Amino acid sequence: MSTTPRLQFPYILSSQAQKEVTHADTLNRLDALVQAAIEDKDLPAPPGSPVEGALYIVAASPTGAWVGQARALAQFLGGIWRFYAPYAGLSGWVKDENRPYVYNGTAWTVATTQAPQQLPSYTVAGLPAASGNTAGLIYISNESGGAVVAFSDGTNWRRVTDRAVVS
């Protein structure tokens, strides 16, 4: 194997000449793919005057220097375009839309962010029965020693931190 499996970074081989070229290539790939800041995702052809290092998602039906690179990431380096195949889970911030995108294996889609699930909140006096309760975790706002997260063991509510019975 001469490259890493996912990002296709080239390995430096022990007898390889010009190791610095391989190392520089890997640094350029890292610069493009780690916390990707993408200029635009809707261009079918390269912009007229790209900035050095600029990164784009190539739109469907590309033309010009981008022919055959639909959905790839295109980075302008040293006066030429370099292309990186996206992989499922790759994400980046599309600057002209001011929102995140993720590659799902076939297309770039807006990354949705879900608010954290809020736990049901109770006081010790208002706890529901623990037996048969499948609520998962609950928040108890006035348990002795302060607020805690608790779970049902089928008989009692127990603190998550030390498994002590809530009283």
Protein backbone atom coordinates (compact mmCIF):
# COMPACT_ATOMS: atom_id res chain seq x y z
CA MET A 1 0.00 0.00 0.00
CA SER A 2 1.56 3.31 -1.03
CA THR A 3 -1.16 5.68 0.26
CA THR A 4 -3.30 5.99 3.35
CA PRO A 5 -6.68 4.30 2.88
CA ARG A 6 -9.07 7.21 3.36
CA LEU A 7 -7.32 10.49 2.53
CA GLN A 8 -4.89 8.95 0.04
CA PHE A 9 -1.85 10.59 1.65
CA PRO A 10 1.31 9.17 0.05
CA TYR A 11 3.63 7.24 2.32
CA ILE A 12 7.31 8.15 2.35
CA LEU A 13 9.24 5.03 1.42
CA SER A 14 12.67 4.25 2.87
CA SER A 15 14.50 4.21 -0.48
CA GLN A 16 12.49 7.03 -2.04
CA ALA A 17 14.22 9.97 -3.69
CA GLN A 18 12.90 13.51 -3.16
CA LYS A 19 11.01 12.70 0.03
CA GLU A 20 10.32 16.40 0.46
CA VAL A 21 7.99 16.31 -2.57
CA THR A 22 5.87 13.58 -0.99
CA HIS A 23 5.86 15.44 2.32
CA ALA A 24 4.83 18.72 0.63
CA ASP A 25 2.00 16.93 -1.21
CA THR A 26 0.66 15.59 2.07
CA LEU A 27 0.82 19.04 3.67
CA ASN A 28 -1.17 20.48 0.75
CA ARG A 29 -3.82 17.78 1.16
CA LEU A 30 -4.04 18.46 4.88
CA ASP A 31 -4.37 22.17 4.18
CA ALA A 32 -7.33 21.47 1.90
CA LEU A 33 -9.15 18.78 3.87
CA VAL A 34 -8.75 19.60 7.57
CA GLN A 35 -11.46 22.04 8.60
CA ALA A 36 -12.13 22.73 4.93
CA ALA A 37 -13.07 26.33 4.14
CA ILE A 38 -14.76 26.16 0.74
CA GLU A 39 -15.27 29.31 -1.34
CA ASP A 40 -18.26 28.07 -3.37
CA LYS A 41 -20.02 24.82 -4.28
CA ASP A 42 -22.12 25.85 -7.28
CA LEU A 43 -19.53 26.67 -9.95
CA PRO A 44 -19.40 24.32 -12.96
CA ALA A 45 -16.12 25.91 -14.16
CA PRO A 46 -13.10 27.40 -12.42
CA PRO A 47 -13.36 31.06 -11.39
CA GLY A 48 -11.44 33.55 -13.55
CA SER A 49 -8.92 34.67 -10.94
CA PRO A 50 -8.68 32.09 -8.14
CA VAL A 51 -6.68 32.88 -5.04
CA GLU A 52 -3.73 30.61 -4.23
CA GLY A 53 -4.98 27.81 -1.98
CA ALA A 54 -8.67 28.49 -2.69
CA LEU A 55 -10.89 25.43 -2.36
CA TYR A 56 -14.13 24.74 -4.26
CA ILE A 57 -16.66 21.92 -4.52
CA VAL A 58 -17.01 21.20 -8.22
CA ALA A 59 -20.66 21.40 -9.30
CA ALA A 60 -22.47 18.84 -11.47
CA SER A 61 -21.62 18.86 -15.20
CA PRO A 62 -18.27 20.64 -14.86
CA THR A 63 -16.52 22.31 -17.78
CA GLY A 64 -13.07 23.67 -18.58
CA ALA A 65 -10.25 22.56 -16.27
CA TRP A 66 -12.84 20.89 -14.02
CA VAL A 67 -14.26 18.40 -16.60
CA GLY A 68 -14.80 14.97 -15.05
CA GLN A 69 -14.43 16.23 -11.46
CA ALA A 70 -18.09 16.62 -10.38
CA ARG A 71 -18.44 16.72 -6.55
CA ALA A 72 -14.65 16.70 -6.03
CA LEU A 73 -12.83 19.33 -4.04
CA ALA A 74 -10.71 21.54 -6.31
CA GLN A 75 -7.79 23.45 -4.83
CA PHE A 76 -5.81 26.06 -6.76
CA LEU A 77 -2.09 25.56 -6.01
CA GLY A 78 0.91 26.84 -7.90
CA GLY A 79 -1.16 27.93 -10.87
CA ILE A 80 -2.89 24.57 -11.38
CA TRP A 81 -5.98 22.80 -10.06
CA ARG A 82 -5.58 19.80 -7.77
CA PHE A 83 -8.57 17.55 -7.11
CA TYR A 84 -9.46 15.51 -4.04
CA ALA A 85 -12.15 12.85 -4.09
CA PRO A 86 -14.59 13.37 -1.23
CA TYR A 87 -15.40 10.51 1.13
CA ALA A 88 -18.55 9.89 3.19
CA GLY A 89 -18.42 12.08 6.27
CA LEU A 90 -16.08 14.75 4.87
CA SER A 91 -17.38 18.15 5.90
CA GLY A 92 -16.55 21.74 5.18
CA TRP A 93 -17.75 25.29 5.62
CA VAL A 94 -19.07 26.84 2.40
CA LYS A 95 -18.15 30.48 2.81
CA ASP A 96 -20.45 32.08 0.22
CA GLU A 97 -23.49 30.40 1.86
CA ASN A 98 -22.19 30.73 5.43
CA ARG A 99 -23.17 27.18 6.37
CA PRO A 100 -21.70 23.68 6.76
CA TYR A 101 -21.93 20.88 4.22
CA VAL A 102 -21.16 17.18 4.52
CA TYR A 103 -20.53 14.59 1.82
CA ASN A 104 -22.87 11.62 2.32
CA GLY A 105 -21.11 9.29 -0.12
CA THR A 106 -22.97 10.47 -3.22
CA ALA A 107 -23.72 14.19 -2.76
CA TRP A 108 -22.86 17.28 -0.74
CA THR A 109 -25.74 18.13 1.61
CA VAL A 110 -26.33 20.84 4.17
CA ALA A 111 -25.11 19.56 7.52
CA THR A 112 -27.94 19.69 9.99
CA THR A 113 -27.24 20.37 13.59
CA GLN A 114 -29.64 18.97 16.10
CA ALA A 115 -30.12 20.64 19.44
CA PRO A 116 -29.13 18.37 22.29
CA GLN A 117 -32.03 16.38 23.65
CA GLN A 118 -33.33 17.95 26.83
CA LEU A 119 -33.83 15.54 29.70
CA PRO A 120 -37.18 15.44 31.48
CA SER A 121 -36.81 17.37 34.74
CA TYR A 122 -38.32 16.43 38.11
CA THR A 123 -38.02 17.28 41.77
CA VAL A 124 -37.50 14.45 44.27
CA ALA A 125 -41.10 14.84 45.44
CA GLY A 126 -42.43 14.61 41.88
CA LEU A 127 -40.47 11.60 40.60
CA PRO A 128 -42.47 9.12 38.53
CA ALA A 129 -42.38 5.46 39.54
CA ALA A 130 -39.05 3.84 38.71
CA SER A 131 -40.56 0.39 38.18
CA GLY A 132 -41.25 -0.26 34.52
CA ASN A 133 -40.02 3.21 33.59
CA THR A 134 -38.16 3.29 30.30
CA ALA A 135 -37.61 7.04 30.18
CA GLY A 136 -33.86 6.55 30.10
CA LEU A 137 -32.14 9.44 31.82
CA ILE A 138 -33.91 12.13 33.81
CA TYR A 139 -32.75 15.30 35.52
CA ILE A 140 -33.55 15.77 39.22
CA SER A 141 -33.27 19.40 40.18
CA ASN A 142 -33.25 19.17 43.99
CA GLU A 143 -31.64 15.87 44.99
CA SER A 144 -29.56 15.97 48.19
CA GLY A 145 -26.21 17.43 47.30
CA GLY A 146 -27.52 19.27 44.24
CA ALA A 147 -28.97 18.58 40.82
CA VAL A 148 -28.22 15.19 39.27
CA VAL A 149 -28.86 13.02 36.26
CA ALA A 150 -30.50 9.72 37.18
CA PHE A 151 -31.67 6.48 35.58
CA SER A 152 -34.17 3.78 36.49
CA ASP A 153 -32.83 0.36 37.48
CA GLY A 154 -36.37 -1.03 37.31
CA THR A 155 -36.97 -0.48 41.03
CA ASN A 156 -35.32 2.80 42.02
CA TRP A 157 -34.02 6.00 40.49
CA ARG A 158 -30.22 6.02 40.79
CA ARG A 159 -27.72 8.82 40.37
CA VAL A 160 -25.61 8.35 37.24
CA THR A 161 -22.44 9.49 39.04
CA ASP A 162 -22.34 6.92 41.87
CA ARG A 163 -25.43 4.73 41.27
CA ALA A 164 -26.78 5.64 44.73
CA VAL A 165 -30.56 5.56 45.14
CA VAL A 166 -32.13 9.00 44.83
CA SER A 167 -33.91 9.94 48.05
